[in-house]
Amino acid sequence: PAAGSSPLSGLTALLLGLERRPDRRERCEQMLTKELPWLKHEFFRATDGKADVIPDDEVAKTWNTKCNSLYGSYEEVKDKEGKVLHTAAEFADPGVDYEFSPGERGCAHSHYRMW
């Protein structure tokens, strides 16, 4: 719809992206301009998990699979020699703890900041 006829015409979209990836930003800006020319948008700098300090009280360093297991099934995880590290049942109860990668923490922190 044209800008005047859309109930969304007064909105401004936030385009989340890493400063070190201008190629992604340009591609998204081109798509938005082509597909939604009436939609205003502005760049929102993402937290770079490899470079920025992310407070532990805003984004945890670890996560547990227990809740995720409600939405999908897990398979056994084995090491290179075939030894079982975690059974499929362990992912559901008690859950398996994993460390977030710097990129995952940066992504989570970026969305936290946007909200």
C-alpha atoms as a PDB file:
ATOM      1  CA  PRO A   1       0.000   0.000   0.000  1.00  0.00           C
ATOM      2  CA  ALA A   2       0.969   3.613  -0.454  1.00  0.00           C
ATOM      3  CA  ALA A   3       2.396   5.477   2.510  1.00  0.00           C
ATOM      4  CA  GLY A   4      -0.778   7.425   3.240  1.00  0.00           C
ATOM      5  CA  SER A   5      -2.991   4.342   3.276  1.00  0.00           C
ATOM      6  CA  SER A   6      -0.913   2.151   5.566  1.00  0.00           C
ATOM      7  CA  PRO A   7      -1.562   2.128   9.318  1.00  0.00           C
ATOM      8  CA  LEU A   8       2.193   1.632   9.636  1.00  0.00           C
ATOM      9  CA  SER A   9       3.126   4.773   7.706  1.00  0.00           C
ATOM     10  CA  GLY A  10       4.165   6.660  10.849  1.00  0.00           C
ATOM     11  CA  LEU A  11       6.620   4.015  12.001  1.00  0.00           C
ATOM     12  CA  THR A  12      10.381   4.036  11.725  1.00  0.00           C
ATOM     13  CA  ALA A  13      12.048   0.645  11.447  1.00  0.00           C
ATOM     14  CA  LEU A  14      15.291  -0.073  13.239  1.00  0.00           C
ATOM     15  CA  LEU A  15      17.839  -1.809  11.046  1.00  0.00           C
ATOM     16  CA  LEU A  16      20.065  -3.775  13.405  1.00  0.00           C
ATOM     17  CA  GLY A  17      23.568  -4.497  12.202  1.00  0.00           C
ATOM     18  CA  LEU A  18      27.241  -4.667  12.979  1.00  0.00           C
ATOM     19  CA  GLU A  19      29.277  -1.589  12.057  1.00  0.00           C
ATOM     20  CA  ARG A  20      31.981  -3.888  10.672  1.00  0.00           C
ATOM     21  CA  ARG A  21      29.492  -5.386   8.171  1.00  0.00           C
ATOM     22  CA  PRO A  22      28.415  -2.449   5.949  1.00  0.00           C
ATOM     23  CA  ASP A  23      27.656  -4.951   3.153  1.00  0.00           C
ATOM     24  CA  ARG A  24      24.761  -6.404   5.154  1.00  0.00           C
ATOM     25  CA  ARG A  25      23.472  -2.948   6.024  1.00  0.00           C
ATOM     26  CA  GLU A  26      23.555  -1.826   2.388  1.00  0.00           C
ATOM     27  CA  ARG A  27      21.760  -4.987   1.219  1.00  0.00           C
ATOM     28  CA  CYS A  28      18.973  -4.514   3.790  1.00  0.00           C
ATOM     29  CA  GLU A  29      18.633  -0.814   3.012  1.00  0.00           C
ATOM     30  CA  GLN A  30      18.295  -1.615  -0.696  1.00  0.00           C
ATOM     31  CA  MET A  31      15.615  -4.240   0.001  1.00  0.00           C
ATOM     32  CA  LEU A  32      13.661  -1.902   2.262  1.00  0.00           C
ATOM     33  CA  THR A  33      13.850   0.925  -0.266  1.00  0.00           C
ATOM     34  CA  LYS A  34      12.670  -1.364  -3.060  1.00  0.00           C
ATOM     35  CA  GLU A  35       9.962  -3.312  -1.230  1.00  0.00           C
ATOM     36  CA  LEU A  36       8.743  -0.728   1.303  1.00  0.00           C
ATOM     37  CA  PRO A  37       9.704   2.692  -0.067  1.00  0.00           C
ATOM     38  CA  TRP A  38       7.333   4.452   2.345  1.00  0.00           C
ATOM     39  CA  LEU A  39       8.920   2.902   5.451  1.00  0.00           C
ATOM     40  CA  LYS A  40      11.429   5.132   7.205  1.00  0.00           C
ATOM     41  CA  HIS A  41      14.336   3.249   8.687  1.00  0.00           C
ATOM     42  CA  GLU A  42      17.415   4.051  10.695  1.00  0.00           C
ATOM     43  CA  PHE A  43      20.533   2.110  11.544  1.00  0.00           C
ATOM     44  CA  PHE A  44      20.842   0.685  15.064  1.00  0.00           C
ATOM     45  CA  ARG A  45      24.394  -0.354  15.907  1.00  0.00           C
ATOM     46  CA  ALA A  46      24.541  -3.957  17.077  1.00  0.00           C
ATOM     47  CA  THR A  47      26.658  -4.965  20.036  1.00  0.00           C
ATOM     48  CA  ASP A  48      29.787  -6.599  18.676  1.00  0.00           C
ATOM     49  CA  GLY A  49      30.378  -9.606  20.894  1.00  0.00           C
ATOM     50  CA  LYS A  50      33.991  -9.785  19.742  1.00  0.00           C
ATOM     51  CA  ALA A  51      34.772  -6.163  20.633  1.00  0.00           C
ATOM     52  CA  ASP A  52      32.223  -4.695  23.070  1.00  0.00           C
ATOM     53  CA  VAL A  53      31.948  -5.326  26.806  1.00  0.00           C
ATOM     54  CA  ILE A  54      28.635  -7.012  27.592  1.00  0.00           C
ATOM     55  CA  PRO A  55      27.545  -6.844  31.239  1.00  0.00           C
ATOM     56  CA  ASP A  56      26.816 -10.270  32.730  1.00  0.00           C
ATOM     57  CA  ASP A  57      23.667  -8.914  34.380  1.00  0.00           C
ATOM     58  CA  GLU A  58      22.269  -8.031  30.943  1.00  0.00           C
ATOM     59  CA  VAL A  59      23.227 -11.196  29.034  1.00  0.00           C
ATOM     60  CA  ALA A  60      24.244 -14.468  30.681  1.00  0.00           C
ATOM     61  CA  LYS A  61      27.410 -16.292  29.682  1.00  0.00           C
ATOM     62  CA  THR A  62      25.721 -19.707  29.679  1.00  0.00           C
ATOM     63  CA  TRP A  63      22.379 -21.239  28.770  1.00  0.00           C
ATOM     64  CA  ASN A  64      20.633 -24.517  29.527  1.00  0.00           C
ATOM     65  CA  THR A  65      18.842 -26.734  27.007  1.00  0.00           C
ATOM     66  CA  LYS A  66      15.972 -27.759  29.293  1.00  0.00           C
ATOM     67  CA  CYS A  67      13.446 -25.168  28.066  1.00  0.00           C
ATOM     68  CA  ASN A  68      14.500 -25.503  24.418  1.00  0.00           C
ATOM     69  CA  SER A  69      13.874 -29.254  24.604  1.00  0.00           C
ATOM     70  CA  LEU A  70      10.148 -28.514  24.953  1.00  0.00           C
ATOM     71  CA  TYR A  71      10.136 -27.302  21.330  1.00  0.00           C
ATOM     72  CA  GLY A  72      12.332 -29.851  19.617  1.00  0.00           C
ATOM     73  CA  SER A  73      14.192 -33.064  20.164  1.00  0.00           C
ATOM     74  CA  TYR A  74      17.882 -33.443  20.743  1.00  0.00           C
ATOM     75  CA  GLU A  75      20.135 -36.302  19.693  1.00  0.00           C
ATOM     76  CA  GLU A  76      23.051 -37.800  21.570  1.00  0.00           C
ATOM     77  CA  VAL A  77      26.250 -35.788  21.424  1.00  0.00           C
ATOM     78  CA  LYS A  78      29.405 -37.830  21.021  1.00  0.00           C
ATOM     79  CA  ASP A  79      33.092 -36.996  21.045  1.00  0.00           C
ATOM     80  CA  LYS A  80      35.489 -37.872  18.208  1.00  0.00           C
ATOM     81  CA  GLU A  81      35.976 -41.382  19.548  1.00  0.00           C
ATOM     82  CA  GLY A  82      32.226 -42.030  19.685  1.00  0.00           C
ATOM     83  CA  LYS A  83      31.884 -41.734  23.465  1.00  0.00           C
ATOM     84  CA  VAL A  84      28.507 -40.290  24.457  1.00  0.00           C
ATOM     85  CA  LEU A  85      28.953 -36.882  26.092  1.00  0.00           C
ATOM     86  CA  HIS A  86      25.243 -36.159  26.560  1.00  0.00           C
ATOM     87  CA  THR A  87      22.257 -38.432  26.027  1.00  0.00           C
ATOM     88  CA  ALA A  88      19.130 -37.152  24.323  1.00  0.00           C
ATOM     89  CA  ALA A  89      17.278 -37.450  27.661  1.00  0.00           C
ATOM     90  CA  GLU A  90      19.848 -35.250  29.444  1.00  0.00           C
ATOM     91  CA  PHE A  91      18.990 -32.308  27.176  1.00  0.00           C
ATOM     92  CA  ALA A  92      15.468 -32.315  28.624  1.00  0.00           C
ATOM     93  CA  ASP A  93      16.243 -33.117  32.248  1.00  0.00           C
ATOM     94  CA  PRO A  94      18.306 -31.732  33.905  1.00  0.00           C
ATOM     95  CA  GLY A  95      19.337 -29.906  30.724  1.00  0.00           C
ATOM     96  CA  VAL A  96      22.820 -29.362  29.385  1.00  0.00           C
ATOM     97  CA  ASP A  97      24.693 -26.136  30.072  1.00  0.00           C
ATOM     98  CA  TYR A  98      26.461 -24.461  27.166  1.00  0.00           C
ATOM     99  CA  GLU A  99      28.501 -21.274  26.931  1.00  0.00           C
ATOM    100  CA  PHE A 100      27.244 -18.607  24.579  1.00  0.00           C
ATOM    101  CA  SER A 101      29.719 -17.653  21.865  1.00  0.00           C
ATOM    102  CA  PRO A 102      30.747 -13.976  21.734  1.00  0.00           C
ATOM    103  CA  GLY A 103      28.541 -13.553  18.665  1.00  0.00           C
ATOM    104  CA  GLU A 104      25.509 -15.075  20.389  1.00  0.00           C
ATOM    105  CA  ARG A 105      25.994 -12.806  23.395  1.00  0.00           C
ATOM    106  CA  GLY A 106      26.373  -9.793  21.110  1.00  0.00           C
ATOM    107  CA  CYS A 107      23.189 -10.703  19.252  1.00  0.00           C
ATOM    108  CA  ALA A 108      21.214 -11.137  22.476  1.00  0.00           C
ATOM    109  CA  HIS A 109      22.579  -7.871  23.880  1.00  0.00           C
ATOM    110  CA  SER A 110      21.699  -6.005  20.694  1.00  0.00           C
ATOM    111  CA  HIS A 111      18.064  -7.093  20.921  1.00  0.00           C
ATOM    112  CA  TYR A 112      18.024  -6.340  24.649  1.00  0.00           C
ATOM    113  CA  ARG A 113      19.204  -2.787  23.897  1.00  0.00           C
ATOM    114  CA  MET A 114      16.661  -2.324  21.125  1.00  0.00           C
ATOM    115  CA  TRP A 115      13.809  -3.221  23.462  1.00  0.00           C
END
